[in-house]
Amino acid sequence: MAATPPSLAQLATAPSGSTAGFVSPDIATNGVVKSGYVVNVGAGVVNATVTAQASTCNNIGNAVSDYFAEAHPVTVGSSGQRSFGTDQRSTIFQDSLGAAFTNATVASATTPIQ
């Protein structure tokens, strides 16, 4: 079974029996701009399926072992200075130069927010 990369669209889809998703509808698309930052969610480095789509609460994609999420300024120095990334380790990392995080760069990140 192929792993389905996670996305903000998946997180915005309400689970069965609910009308609200896990994230706000205004960030329901990867690449959306919110408060001067571009926001993305994607597959992690390993990205192995742990739960098939049919068994997930909102039936929109497989649950995977690794993910990453990131937000970077639309215009470094104007809309923001730092970028932020996280993954399944649950630590929020920062890049003081505002570079966008990828699954590989957040996996190797070592500068947590203090």
N, C-alpha and C. Protein backbone atom coordinates (compact mmCIF):
# COMPACT_ATOMS: atom_id res chain seq x y z
N MET A 1 0.85 -1.18 0.00
CA MET A 1 0.00 0.00 0.00
C MET A 1 0.89 1.24 0.00
N ALA A 2 0.66 2.15 -0.89
CA ALA A 2 1.44 3.38 -0.97
C ALA A 2 1.01 4.35 0.12
N ALA A 3 1.97 5.02 0.69
CA ALA A 3 1.68 6.03 1.71
C ALA A 3 1.12 7.28 1.04
N THR A 4 0.17 7.91 1.70
CA THR A 4 -0.41 9.16 1.20
C THR A 4 0.21 10.29 1.99
N PRO A 5 0.92 11.21 1.35
CA PRO A 5 1.51 12.31 2.10
C PRO A 5 0.43 13.13 2.80
N PRO A 6 0.68 13.52 4.03
CA PRO A 6 -0.30 14.35 4.74
C PRO A 6 -0.38 15.74 4.11
N SER A 7 -1.51 16.38 4.31
CA SER A 7 -1.69 17.72 3.77
C SER A 7 -2.62 18.51 4.68
N LEU A 8 -2.63 19.80 4.50
CA LEU A 8 -3.57 20.63 5.25
C LEU A 8 -5.00 20.32 4.85
N ALA A 9 -5.23 19.92 3.61
CA ALA A 9 -6.58 19.55 3.18
C ALA A 9 -7.10 18.36 3.98
N GLN A 10 -6.24 17.39 4.22
CA GLN A 10 -6.63 16.24 5.04
C GLN A 10 -6.98 16.68 6.46
N LEU A 11 -6.17 17.56 7.02
CA LEU A 11 -6.40 18.01 8.39
C LEU A 11 -7.63 18.90 8.51
N ALA A 12 -8.02 19.55 7.44
CA ALA A 12 -9.19 20.43 7.47
C ALA A 12 -10.50 19.66 7.26
N THR A 13 -10.41 18.42 6.83
CA THR A 13 -11.61 17.61 6.60
C THR A 13 -12.12 17.06 7.93
N ALA A 14 -13.38 17.34 8.21
CA ALA A 14 -13.98 16.90 9.48
C ALA A 14 -14.08 15.39 9.55
N PRO A 15 -13.82 14.81 10.73
CA PRO A 15 -14.03 13.37 10.89
C PRO A 15 -15.52 13.04 10.92
N SER A 16 -15.83 11.78 10.76
CA SER A 16 -17.20 11.31 10.80
C SER A 16 -17.88 11.74 12.09
N GLY A 17 -19.09 12.27 11.97
CA GLY A 17 -19.85 12.70 13.14
C GLY A 17 -19.52 14.09 13.63
N SER A 18 -18.70 14.83 12.89
CA SER A 18 -18.30 16.18 13.29
C SER A 18 -18.43 17.13 12.11
N THR A 19 -18.48 18.41 12.40
CA THR A 19 -18.49 19.42 11.34
C THR A 19 -17.21 20.23 11.31
N ALA A 20 -16.30 19.96 12.24
CA ALA A 20 -15.06 20.72 12.33
C ALA A 20 -13.86 19.83 12.07
N GLY A 21 -12.94 20.31 11.24
CA GLY A 21 -11.69 19.60 10.99
C GLY A 21 -10.70 19.84 12.11
N PHE A 22 -9.51 19.33 11.93
CA PHE A 22 -8.46 19.47 12.94
C PHE A 22 -7.74 20.81 12.84
N VAL A 23 -7.81 21.47 11.67
CA VAL A 23 -7.26 22.81 11.49
C VAL A 23 -8.36 23.71 10.92
N SER A 24 -8.18 24.98 11.07
CA SER A 24 -9.14 25.98 10.61
C SER A 24 -9.29 25.95 9.08
N PRO A 25 -10.49 26.21 8.58
CA PRO A 25 -10.70 26.22 7.12
C PRO A 25 -9.84 27.24 6.38
N ASP A 26 -9.38 28.28 7.06
CA ASP A 26 -8.57 29.29 6.37
C ASP A 26 -7.14 28.84 6.10
N ILE A 27 -6.75 27.67 6.62
CA ILE A 27 -5.44 27.10 6.27
C ILE A 27 -5.62 25.67 5.73
N ALA A 28 -6.64 25.49 4.91
CA ALA A 28 -6.99 24.16 4.41
C ALA A 28 -6.24 23.75 3.14
N THR A 29 -5.25 24.51 2.73
CA THR A 29 -4.51 24.21 1.50
C THR A 29 -3.02 24.44 1.74
N ASN A 30 -2.18 23.48 1.33
CA ASN A 30 -0.74 23.71 1.39
C ASN A 30 -0.40 24.93 0.55
N GLY A 31 0.54 25.73 1.04
CA GLY A 31 0.96 26.93 0.33
C GLY A 31 0.12 28.15 0.63
N VAL A 32 -0.85 28.02 1.53
CA VAL A 32 -1.69 29.16 1.89
C VAL A 32 -0.87 30.18 2.67
N VAL A 33 -1.20 31.45 2.50
CA VAL A 33 -0.53 32.52 3.25
C VAL A 33 -1.43 32.92 4.42
N LYS A 34 -0.85 32.91 5.61
CA LYS A 34 -1.57 33.27 6.83
C LYS A 34 -0.64 34.16 7.65
N SER A 35 -1.09 35.37 7.94
CA SER A 35 -0.33 36.31 8.76
C SER A 35 1.09 36.53 8.25
N GLY A 36 1.26 36.59 6.94
CA GLY A 36 2.56 36.87 6.34
C GLY A 36 3.46 35.67 6.17
N TYR A 37 2.95 34.48 6.48
CA TYR A 37 3.73 33.25 6.37
C TYR A 37 3.07 32.26 5.42
N VAL A 38 3.87 31.54 4.65
CA VAL A 38 3.40 30.46 3.81
C VAL A 38 3.42 29.19 4.67
N VAL A 39 2.30 28.47 4.72
CA VAL A 39 2.15 27.31 5.59
C VAL A 39 2.03 26.04 4.75
N ASN A 40 2.77 24.99 5.15
CA ASN A 40 2.76 23.71 4.44
C ASN A 40 2.85 22.54 5.41
N VAL A 41 2.25 21.42 5.03
CA VAL A 41 2.38 20.15 5.73
C VAL A 41 2.69 19.11 4.66
N GLY A 42 3.58 18.18 4.98
CA GLY A 42 3.92 17.16 3.99
C GLY A 42 4.46 15.90 4.60
N ALA A 43 4.83 14.99 3.74
CA ALA A 43 5.37 13.70 4.16
C ALA A 43 6.75 13.87 4.77
N GLY A 44 7.01 13.09 5.79
CA GLY A 44 8.33 13.07 6.40
C GLY A 44 9.30 12.26 5.56
N VAL A 45 10.47 12.04 6.10
CA VAL A 45 11.52 11.33 5.37
C VAL A 45 11.16 9.86 5.17
N VAL A 46 10.61 9.19 6.19
CA VAL A 46 10.28 7.77 6.09
C VAL A 46 8.93 7.57 5.42
N ASN A 47 7.88 8.21 5.91
CA ASN A 47 6.56 8.23 5.29
C ASN A 47 5.96 6.84 5.06
N ALA A 48 6.02 5.97 6.07
CA ALA A 48 5.41 4.64 5.98
C ALA A 48 3.97 4.70 6.45
N THR A 49 3.08 3.98 5.78
CA THR A 49 1.68 3.94 6.19
C THR A 49 1.55 3.16 7.49
N VAL A 50 0.86 3.75 8.47
CA VAL A 50 0.60 3.06 9.74
C VAL A 50 -0.88 2.72 9.89
N THR A 51 -1.76 3.45 9.21
CA THR A 51 -3.19 3.17 9.21
C THR A 51 -3.72 3.45 7.82
N ALA A 52 -4.43 2.48 7.26
CA ALA A 52 -4.99 2.65 5.92
C ALA A 52 -6.10 3.70 5.93
N GLN A 53 -6.28 4.36 4.81
CA GLN A 53 -7.27 5.43 4.68
C GLN A 53 -8.65 5.03 5.20
N ALA A 54 -9.11 3.85 4.88
CA ALA A 54 -10.45 3.41 5.28
C ALA A 54 -10.62 3.34 6.79
N SER A 55 -9.53 3.24 7.53
CA SER A 55 -9.60 3.14 9.00
C SER A 55 -9.30 4.45 9.71
N THR A 56 -9.04 5.52 8.95
CA THR A 56 -8.79 6.81 9.58
C THR A 56 -10.10 7.50 9.91
N CYS A 57 -10.05 8.47 10.80
CA CYS A 57 -11.29 9.09 11.28
C CYS A 57 -12.01 9.92 10.23
N ASN A 58 -11.28 10.47 9.25
CA ASN A 58 -11.96 11.27 8.23
C ASN A 58 -11.90 10.64 6.84
N ASN A 59 -11.31 9.46 6.72
CA ASN A 59 -11.30 8.67 5.49
C ASN A 59 -10.82 9.46 4.27
N ILE A 60 -9.81 10.29 4.46
CA ILE A 60 -9.32 11.09 3.33
C ILE A 60 -7.89 10.74 2.93
N GLY A 61 -7.17 10.02 3.74
CA GLY A 61 -5.81 9.63 3.39
C GLY A 61 -5.25 8.69 4.43
N ASN A 62 -4.19 7.98 4.07
CA ASN A 62 -3.53 7.09 5.01
C ASN A 62 -2.89 7.89 6.13
N ALA A 63 -2.82 7.29 7.30
CA ALA A 63 -2.03 7.86 8.40
C ALA A 63 -0.60 7.36 8.22
N VAL A 64 0.36 8.26 8.27
CA VAL A 64 1.75 7.90 8.01
C VAL A 64 2.61 8.11 9.25
N SER A 65 3.77 7.46 9.26
CA SER A 65 4.66 7.49 10.43
C SER A 65 5.39 8.81 10.60
N ASP A 66 5.72 9.47 9.52
CA ASP A 66 6.50 10.71 9.58
C ASP A 66 5.78 11.82 8.83
N TYR A 67 5.93 13.02 9.32
CA TYR A 67 5.37 14.19 8.65
C TYR A 67 6.28 15.38 8.94
N PHE A 68 6.07 16.46 8.26
CA PHE A 68 6.69 17.73 8.65
C PHE A 68 5.68 18.83 8.38
N ALA A 69 5.82 19.88 9.12
CA ALA A 69 5.02 21.09 8.92
C ALA A 69 5.98 22.26 8.98
N GLU A 70 5.68 23.27 8.19
CA GLU A 70 6.56 24.44 8.18
C GLU A 70 5.80 25.70 7.84
N ALA A 71 6.36 26.82 8.28
CA ALA A 71 5.86 28.14 7.93
C ALA A 71 7.07 29.03 7.70
N HIS A 72 7.08 29.72 6.57
CA HIS A 72 8.19 30.63 6.27
C HIS A 72 7.62 31.96 5.80
N PRO A 73 8.36 33.05 6.05
CA PRO A 73 7.86 34.37 5.68
C PRO A 73 7.68 34.51 4.16
N VAL A 74 6.60 35.19 3.78
CA VAL A 74 6.40 35.51 2.37
C VAL A 74 7.55 36.38 1.89
N THR A 75 7.90 37.38 2.67
CA THR A 75 9.01 38.28 2.36
C THR A 75 9.88 38.41 3.61
N VAL A 76 11.05 37.76 3.59
CA VAL A 76 11.95 37.81 4.74
C VAL A 76 12.33 39.26 5.04
N GLY A 77 12.20 39.64 6.29
CA GLY A 77 12.52 40.99 6.72
C GLY A 77 11.33 41.93 6.69
N SER A 78 10.24 41.53 6.04
CA SER A 78 9.04 42.37 5.96
C SER A 78 7.86 41.67 6.65
N SER A 79 7.48 40.49 6.15
CA SER A 79 6.35 39.78 6.76
C SER A 79 6.81 38.90 7.92
N GLY A 80 8.10 38.69 8.04
CA GLY A 80 8.67 37.91 9.12
C GLY A 80 10.15 37.71 8.89
N GLN A 81 10.86 37.29 9.92
CA GLN A 81 12.31 37.07 9.80
C GLN A 81 12.65 35.59 9.88
N ARG A 82 12.06 34.88 10.85
CA ARG A 82 12.39 33.47 11.07
C ARG A 82 11.37 32.57 10.39
N SER A 83 11.82 31.36 10.07
CA SER A 83 10.89 30.32 9.61
C SER A 83 10.83 29.26 10.70
N PHE A 84 9.77 28.44 10.65
CA PHE A 84 9.53 27.47 11.70
C PHE A 84 9.19 26.13 11.07
N GLY A 85 9.65 25.05 11.68
CA GLY A 85 9.36 23.72 11.19
C GLY A 85 9.23 22.74 12.35
N THR A 86 8.45 21.70 12.12
CA THR A 86 8.28 20.65 13.12
C THR A 86 8.06 19.33 12.41
N ASP A 87 8.19 18.25 13.17
CA ASP A 87 7.91 16.91 12.64
C ASP A 87 7.40 16.03 13.77
N GLN A 88 7.39 14.73 13.55
CA GLN A 88 6.83 13.80 14.52
C GLN A 88 7.57 13.81 15.85
N ARG A 89 8.71 14.47 15.96
CA ARG A 89 9.41 14.59 17.25
C ARG A 89 8.74 15.61 18.17
N SER A 90 7.84 16.43 17.64
CA SER A 90 7.06 17.41 18.42
C SER A 90 7.88 18.58 18.94
N THR A 91 9.00 18.86 18.32
CA THR A 91 9.80 20.04 18.67
C THR A 91 9.62 21.06 17.56
N ILE A 92 9.48 22.33 17.92
CA ILE A 92 9.40 23.39 16.92
C ILE A 92 10.81 23.95 16.72
N PHE A 93 11.27 23.89 15.48
CA PHE A 93 12.60 24.38 15.13
C PHE A 93 12.47 25.71 14.41
N GLN A 94 13.55 26.50 14.43
CA GLN A 94 13.55 27.80 13.76
C GLN A 94 14.75 27.93 12.85
N ASP A 95 14.60 28.74 11.85
CA ASP A 95 15.70 29.13 10.98
C ASP A 95 15.71 30.65 11.01
N SER A 96 16.76 31.22 11.53
CA SER A 96 16.81 32.68 11.72
C SER A 96 16.92 33.45 10.42
N LEU A 97 17.21 32.76 9.31
CA LEU A 97 17.31 33.43 8.01
C LEU A 97 16.00 33.37 7.22
N GLY A 98 15.00 32.65 7.74
CA GLY A 98 13.69 32.60 7.10
C GLY A 98 13.56 31.62 5.96
N ALA A 99 14.51 30.70 5.81
CA ALA A 99 14.43 29.71 4.73
C ALA A 99 13.30 28.73 4.98
N ALA A 100 12.65 28.28 3.91
CA ALA A 100 11.58 27.30 4.04
C ALA A 100 12.17 25.96 4.47
N PHE A 101 11.48 25.27 5.37
CA PHE A 101 11.87 23.93 5.77
C PHE A 101 11.33 22.91 4.77
N THR A 102 12.06 21.84 4.57
CA THR A 102 11.60 20.68 3.80
C THR A 102 11.59 19.50 4.75
N ASN A 103 11.10 18.34 4.28
CA ASN A 103 11.11 17.18 5.17
C ASN A 103 12.54 16.83 5.59
N ALA A 104 13.51 16.98 4.71
CA ALA A 104 14.90 16.67 5.05
C ALA A 104 15.51 17.70 5.99
N THR A 105 15.25 18.98 5.77
CA THR A 105 15.88 19.99 6.62
C THR A 105 15.26 20.03 8.01
N VAL A 106 13.96 19.76 8.14
CA VAL A 106 13.39 19.72 9.48
C VAL A 106 13.84 18.45 10.20
N ALA A 107 14.05 17.35 9.48
CA ALA A 107 14.53 16.11 10.09
C ALA A 107 15.93 16.25 10.66
N SER A 108 16.72 17.13 10.07
CA SER A 108 18.10 17.33 10.54
C SER A 108 18.24 18.62 11.37
N ALA A 109 17.15 19.31 11.62
CA ALA A 109 17.20 20.59 12.36
C ALA A 109 17.65 20.36 13.81
N THR A 110 18.40 21.32 14.32
CA THR A 110 18.91 21.23 15.69
C THR A 110 18.71 22.52 16.48
N THR A 111 18.04 23.52 15.90
CA THR A 111 17.86 24.79 16.59
C THR A 111 16.40 24.96 17.00
N PRO A 112 16.05 24.47 18.21
CA PRO A 112 14.66 24.62 18.66
C PRO A 112 14.39 26.05 19.08
N ILE A 113 13.13 26.41 19.11
CA ILE A 113 12.75 27.72 19.65
C ILE A 113 13.07 27.72 21.13
N GLN A 114 13.67 28.76 21.59
CA GLN A 114 14.05 28.85 23.02
C GLN A 114 12.98 29.55 23.81
